[in-house]
Amino acid sequence: MTNLSKFGKICKAIEKANEHDPFSDMYKDAYGFRPCKWTMESYSFMNEAERLDWKADLQEQINADLQSEREAHDEAVISCMKAGAGNVATAERWLRQAERN
């Protein structure tokens, strides 16, 4: 068996696991990378209540990150408006242009 076919089987197993349980996606949203094998094994041995608690914690982290991003974006828009952007649309355009450069 080649490494590529092993990788394909692993990918299919991950996809199948994620069909019914969003844990891996939530973990990636919270930490920026997929859970390792150890984490997935730990998760698989948990009872339903423990899994729900872990997912609730992940959701809190995701929500906090999103709120922080929104606040940073709002501050950037305000800064652009103080710098001379006549309205929010112009400030947004300036921010998009700055991201490209």
N, C-alpha and C. Protein backbone atom coordinates (compact mmCIF):
# COMPACT_ATOMS: atom_id res chain seq x y z
N MET A 1 0.85 -1.18 0.00
CA MET A 1 0.00 0.00 0.00
C MET A 1 0.90 1.24 0.00
N THR A 2 0.64 2.15 -0.91
CA THR A 2 1.45 3.37 -0.99
C THR A 2 1.00 4.37 0.06
N ASN A 3 1.86 5.34 0.31
CA ASN A 3 1.51 6.39 1.26
C ASN A 3 0.28 7.16 0.81
N LEU A 4 0.14 7.34 -0.50
CA LEU A 4 -1.00 8.07 -1.03
C LEU A 4 -2.30 7.33 -0.75
N SER A 5 -2.31 6.00 -0.93
CA SER A 5 -3.54 5.26 -0.65
C SER A 5 -3.84 5.23 0.84
N LYS A 6 -2.80 5.19 1.69
CA LYS A 6 -3.02 5.28 3.13
C LYS A 6 -3.64 6.63 3.49
N PHE A 7 -3.09 7.67 2.87
CA PHE A 7 -3.61 9.01 3.11
C PHE A 7 -5.06 9.11 2.67
N GLY A 8 -5.38 8.53 1.52
CA GLY A 8 -6.76 8.54 1.03
C GLY A 8 -7.70 7.85 1.99
N LYS A 9 -7.27 6.72 2.55
CA LYS A 9 -8.11 6.01 3.52
C LYS A 9 -8.31 6.83 4.78
N ILE A 10 -7.26 7.51 5.22
CA ILE A 10 -7.38 8.37 6.40
C ILE A 10 -8.36 9.50 6.13
N CYS A 11 -8.24 10.12 4.96
CA CYS A 11 -9.14 11.23 4.60
C CYS A 11 -10.59 10.76 4.56
N LYS A 12 -10.81 9.58 3.97
CA LYS A 12 -12.18 9.05 3.92
C LYS A 12 -12.72 8.77 5.31
N ALA A 13 -11.87 8.27 6.20
CA ALA A 13 -12.30 8.00 7.58
C ALA A 13 -12.66 9.29 8.30
N ILE A 14 -11.86 10.33 8.07
CA ILE A 14 -12.14 11.63 8.69
C ILE A 14 -13.45 12.19 8.15
N GLU A 15 -13.65 12.11 6.84
CA GLU A 15 -14.90 12.60 6.25
C GLU A 15 -16.10 11.85 6.81
N LYS A 16 -15.98 10.54 6.94
CA LYS A 16 -17.08 9.75 7.48
C LYS A 16 -17.37 10.15 8.92
N ALA A 17 -16.32 10.36 9.71
CA ALA A 17 -16.51 10.75 11.11
C ALA A 17 -17.19 12.11 11.21
N ASN A 18 -16.87 13.00 10.27
CA ASN A 18 -17.43 14.35 10.32
C ASN A 18 -18.85 14.44 9.77
N GLU A 19 -19.33 13.38 9.11
CA GLU A 19 -20.68 13.42 8.55
C GLU A 19 -21.73 13.65 9.63
N HIS A 20 -21.51 13.06 10.79
CA HIS A 20 -22.52 13.11 11.83
C HIS A 20 -22.09 13.91 13.05
N ASP A 21 -20.83 14.26 13.14
CA ASP A 21 -20.33 14.96 14.32
C ASP A 21 -19.39 16.08 13.88
N PRO A 22 -19.73 17.32 14.19
CA PRO A 22 -18.92 18.45 13.73
C PRO A 22 -17.69 18.73 14.59
N PHE A 23 -17.31 17.83 15.49
CA PHE A 23 -16.22 18.09 16.43
C PHE A 23 -14.94 18.53 15.73
N SER A 24 -14.50 17.79 14.71
CA SER A 24 -13.25 18.11 14.03
C SER A 24 -13.30 19.51 13.40
N ASP A 25 -14.42 19.85 12.79
CA ASP A 25 -14.58 21.18 12.20
C ASP A 25 -14.56 22.26 13.28
N MET A 26 -15.25 22.00 14.37
CA MET A 26 -15.28 22.98 15.46
C MET A 26 -13.88 23.16 16.05
N TYR A 27 -13.16 22.07 16.23
CA TYR A 27 -11.81 22.11 16.77
C TYR A 27 -10.92 22.96 15.85
N LYS A 28 -11.05 22.74 14.54
CA LYS A 28 -10.25 23.52 13.58
C LYS A 28 -10.62 24.99 13.64
N ASP A 29 -11.91 25.30 13.75
CA ASP A 29 -12.33 26.69 13.86
C ASP A 29 -11.76 27.36 15.11
N ALA A 30 -11.68 26.60 16.20
CA ALA A 30 -11.21 27.16 17.47
C ALA A 30 -9.69 27.29 17.51
N TYR A 31 -8.96 26.31 16.96
CA TYR A 31 -7.51 26.28 17.12
C TYR A 31 -6.71 26.46 15.84
N GLY A 32 -7.39 26.41 14.70
CA GLY A 32 -6.70 26.64 13.44
C GLY A 32 -6.14 25.39 12.78
N PHE A 33 -6.31 24.24 13.39
CA PHE A 33 -5.84 22.98 12.82
C PHE A 33 -6.74 21.86 13.31
N ARG A 34 -6.73 20.75 12.57
CA ARG A 34 -7.56 19.60 12.93
C ARG A 34 -7.00 18.92 14.18
N PRO A 35 -7.85 18.25 14.93
CA PRO A 35 -7.34 17.54 16.11
C PRO A 35 -6.44 16.38 15.71
N CYS A 36 -5.45 16.12 16.55
CA CYS A 36 -4.53 15.01 16.29
C CYS A 36 -5.20 13.68 16.62
N LYS A 37 -4.51 12.63 16.31
CA LYS A 37 -5.05 11.29 16.53
C LYS A 37 -5.40 11.08 18.00
N TRP A 38 -4.51 11.50 18.89
CA TRP A 38 -4.74 11.33 20.33
C TRP A 38 -6.03 12.04 20.76
N THR A 39 -6.21 13.26 20.29
CA THR A 39 -7.40 14.03 20.64
C THR A 39 -8.66 13.34 20.13
N MET A 40 -8.60 12.86 18.89
CA MET A 40 -9.77 12.17 18.33
C MET A 40 -10.06 10.88 19.09
N GLU A 41 -9.02 10.17 19.49
CA GLU A 41 -9.24 8.95 20.27
C GLU A 41 -9.84 9.27 21.62
N SER A 42 -9.33 10.31 22.27
CA SER A 42 -9.89 10.72 23.56
C SER A 42 -11.36 11.08 23.41
N TYR A 43 -11.65 11.83 22.36
CA TYR A 43 -13.02 12.25 22.11
C TYR A 43 -13.92 11.04 21.87
N SER A 44 -13.42 10.05 21.14
CA SER A 44 -14.25 8.89 20.81
C SER A 44 -14.59 8.05 22.04
N PHE A 45 -13.76 8.12 23.09
CA PHE A 45 -14.03 7.35 24.30
C PHE A 45 -14.90 8.09 25.31
N MET A 46 -15.24 9.35 25.02
CA MET A 46 -16.08 10.13 25.94
C MET A 46 -17.54 9.72 25.81
N ASN A 47 -18.28 9.91 26.90
CA ASN A 47 -19.72 9.70 26.81
C ASN A 47 -20.36 10.95 26.18
N GLU A 48 -21.62 10.87 25.88
CA GLU A 48 -22.30 11.96 25.16
C GLU A 48 -22.25 13.28 25.92
N ALA A 49 -22.42 13.24 27.24
CA ALA A 49 -22.40 14.47 28.05
C ALA A 49 -21.03 15.14 27.98
N GLU A 50 -19.98 14.34 28.06
CA GLU A 50 -18.63 14.90 27.98
C GLU A 50 -18.36 15.49 26.60
N ARG A 51 -18.85 14.82 25.57
CA ARG A 51 -18.68 15.36 24.22
C ARG A 51 -19.42 16.68 24.06
N LEU A 52 -20.63 16.75 24.58
CA LEU A 52 -21.39 17.99 24.49
C LEU A 52 -20.71 19.12 25.24
N ASP A 53 -20.13 18.81 26.41
CA ASP A 53 -19.41 19.83 27.17
C ASP A 53 -18.20 20.34 26.39
N TRP A 54 -17.45 19.42 25.78
CA TRP A 54 -16.27 19.81 25.02
C TRP A 54 -16.68 20.68 23.83
N LYS A 55 -17.75 20.28 23.14
CA LYS A 55 -18.21 21.07 22.00
C LYS A 55 -18.72 22.44 22.46
N ALA A 56 -19.35 22.49 23.62
CA ALA A 56 -19.81 23.79 24.15
C ALA A 56 -18.61 24.69 24.43
N ASP A 57 -17.54 24.13 24.99
CA ASP A 57 -16.32 24.91 25.24
C ASP A 57 -15.71 25.41 23.93
N LEU A 58 -15.68 24.53 22.93
CA LEU A 58 -15.17 24.95 21.62
C LEU A 58 -16.02 26.07 21.04
N GLN A 59 -17.33 25.95 21.17
CA GLN A 59 -18.21 26.99 20.63
C GLN A 59 -17.99 28.32 21.33
N GLU A 60 -17.76 28.28 22.64
CA GLU A 60 -17.46 29.52 23.37
C GLU A 60 -16.18 30.16 22.84
N GLN A 61 -15.16 29.35 22.57
CA GLN A 61 -13.91 29.87 22.03
C GLN A 61 -14.12 30.46 20.64
N ILE A 62 -14.88 29.76 19.81
CA ILE A 62 -15.18 30.25 18.47
C ILE A 62 -15.92 31.58 18.55
N ASN A 63 -16.93 31.65 19.41
CA ASN A 63 -17.70 32.89 19.57
C ASN A 63 -16.82 34.04 20.04
N ALA A 64 -15.93 33.76 21.00
CA ALA A 64 -15.03 34.80 21.51
C ALA A 64 -14.09 35.29 20.40
N ASP A 65 -13.59 34.36 19.59
CA ASP A 65 -12.71 34.74 18.48
C ASP A 65 -13.45 35.59 17.45
N LEU A 66 -14.67 35.21 17.13
CA LEU A 66 -15.47 35.97 16.17
C LEU A 66 -15.77 37.37 16.70
N GLN A 67 -16.09 37.46 17.98
CA GLN A 67 -16.37 38.77 18.59
C GLN A 67 -15.12 39.65 18.54
N SER A 68 -13.98 39.07 18.84
CA SER A 68 -12.72 39.81 18.80
C SER A 68 -12.42 40.31 17.39
N GLU A 69 -12.66 39.46 16.40
CA GLU A 69 -12.45 39.86 15.00
C GLU A 69 -13.39 40.99 14.60
N ARG A 70 -14.66 40.90 15.03
CA ARG A 70 -15.62 41.96 14.72
C ARG A 70 -15.20 43.28 15.35
N GLU A 71 -14.76 43.22 16.60
CA GLU A 71 -14.33 44.43 17.29
C GLU A 71 -13.11 45.05 16.61
N ALA A 72 -12.15 44.22 16.21
CA ALA A 72 -10.96 44.73 15.52
C ALA A 72 -11.34 45.36 14.19
N HIS A 73 -12.27 44.73 13.48
CA HIS A 73 -12.72 45.28 12.20
C HIS A 73 -13.42 46.63 12.42
N ASP A 74 -14.30 46.68 13.41
CA ASP A 74 -14.99 47.94 13.70
C ASP A 74 -14.01 49.05 14.05
N GLU A 75 -12.99 48.73 14.83
CA GLU A 75 -11.97 49.72 15.18
C GLU A 75 -11.22 50.19 13.94
N ALA A 76 -10.95 49.26 13.02
CA ALA A 76 -10.26 49.62 11.78
C ALA A 76 -11.13 50.55 10.93
N VAL A 77 -12.42 50.26 10.86
CA VAL A 77 -13.34 51.13 10.11
C VAL A 77 -13.35 52.53 10.72
N ILE A 78 -13.43 52.60 12.03
CA ILE A 78 -13.44 53.90 12.72
C ILE A 78 -12.14 54.67 12.45
N SER A 79 -11.02 53.95 12.47
CA SER A 79 -9.73 54.60 12.19
C SER A 79 -9.71 55.16 10.77
N CYS A 80 -10.24 54.40 9.82
CA CYS A 80 -10.29 54.88 8.43
C CYS A 80 -11.17 56.12 8.32
N MET A 81 -12.26 56.11 9.04
CA MET A 81 -13.17 57.26 8.97
C MET A 81 -12.50 58.50 9.60
N LYS A 82 -11.74 58.30 10.66
CA LYS A 82 -11.01 59.41 11.27
C LYS A 82 -9.92 59.92 10.34
N ALA A 83 -9.41 59.03 9.49
CA ALA A 83 -8.34 59.40 8.56
C ALA A 83 -8.88 60.04 7.28
N GLY A 84 -10.21 60.12 7.15
CA GLY A 84 -10.75 60.83 6.01
C GLY A 84 -11.75 60.07 5.16
N ALA A 85 -12.00 58.81 5.45
CA ALA A 85 -13.03 58.09 4.68
C ALA A 85 -14.36 58.76 4.97
N GLY A 86 -15.07 59.12 3.94
CA GLY A 86 -16.31 59.87 4.12
C GLY A 86 -17.47 59.06 4.67
N ASN A 87 -17.41 57.76 4.52
CA ASN A 87 -18.50 56.91 5.00
C ASN A 87 -17.97 55.49 5.22
N VAL A 88 -18.84 54.62 5.72
CA VAL A 88 -18.44 53.25 6.04
C VAL A 88 -18.04 52.49 4.78
N ALA A 89 -18.76 52.71 3.68
CA ALA A 89 -18.44 52.00 2.44
C ALA A 89 -17.02 52.34 1.97
N THR A 90 -16.65 53.59 2.07
CA THR A 90 -15.30 53.99 1.68
C THR A 90 -14.26 53.38 2.62
N ALA A 91 -14.56 53.39 3.91
CA ALA A 91 -13.65 52.79 4.89
C ALA A 91 -13.46 51.30 4.60
N GLU A 92 -14.55 50.61 4.29
CA GLU A 92 -14.48 49.19 3.95
C GLU A 92 -13.62 48.97 2.70
N ARG A 93 -13.80 49.84 1.71
CA ARG A 93 -13.02 49.73 0.47
C ARG A 93 -11.53 49.94 0.77
N TRP A 94 -11.21 50.92 1.61
CA TRP A 94 -9.82 51.15 1.99
C TRP A 94 -9.23 49.93 2.68
N LEU A 95 -9.99 49.31 3.55
CA LEU A 95 -9.51 48.13 4.26
C LEU A 95 -9.26 46.97 3.29
N ARG A 96 -10.17 46.76 2.35
CA ARG A 96 -9.98 45.69 1.36
C ARG A 96 -8.73 45.96 0.52
N GLN A 97 -8.54 47.23 0.13
CA GLN A 97 -7.35 47.59 -0.65
C GLN A 97 -6.08 47.36 0.15
N ALA A 98 -6.12 47.69 1.43
CA ALA A 98 -4.94 47.49 2.28
C ALA A 98 -4.62 46.00 2.43
N GLU A 99 -5.64 45.16 2.50
CA GLU A 99 -5.43 43.71 2.62
C GLU A 99 -4.76 43.15 1.37
N ARG A 100 -5.08 43.70 0.21
CA ARG A 100 -4.51 43.22 -1.04
C ARG A 100 -3.03 43.60 -1.16
N ASN A 101 -2.67 44.71 -0.55
CA ASN A 101 -1.28 45.21 -0.67
C ASN A 101 -0.44 44.71 0.43
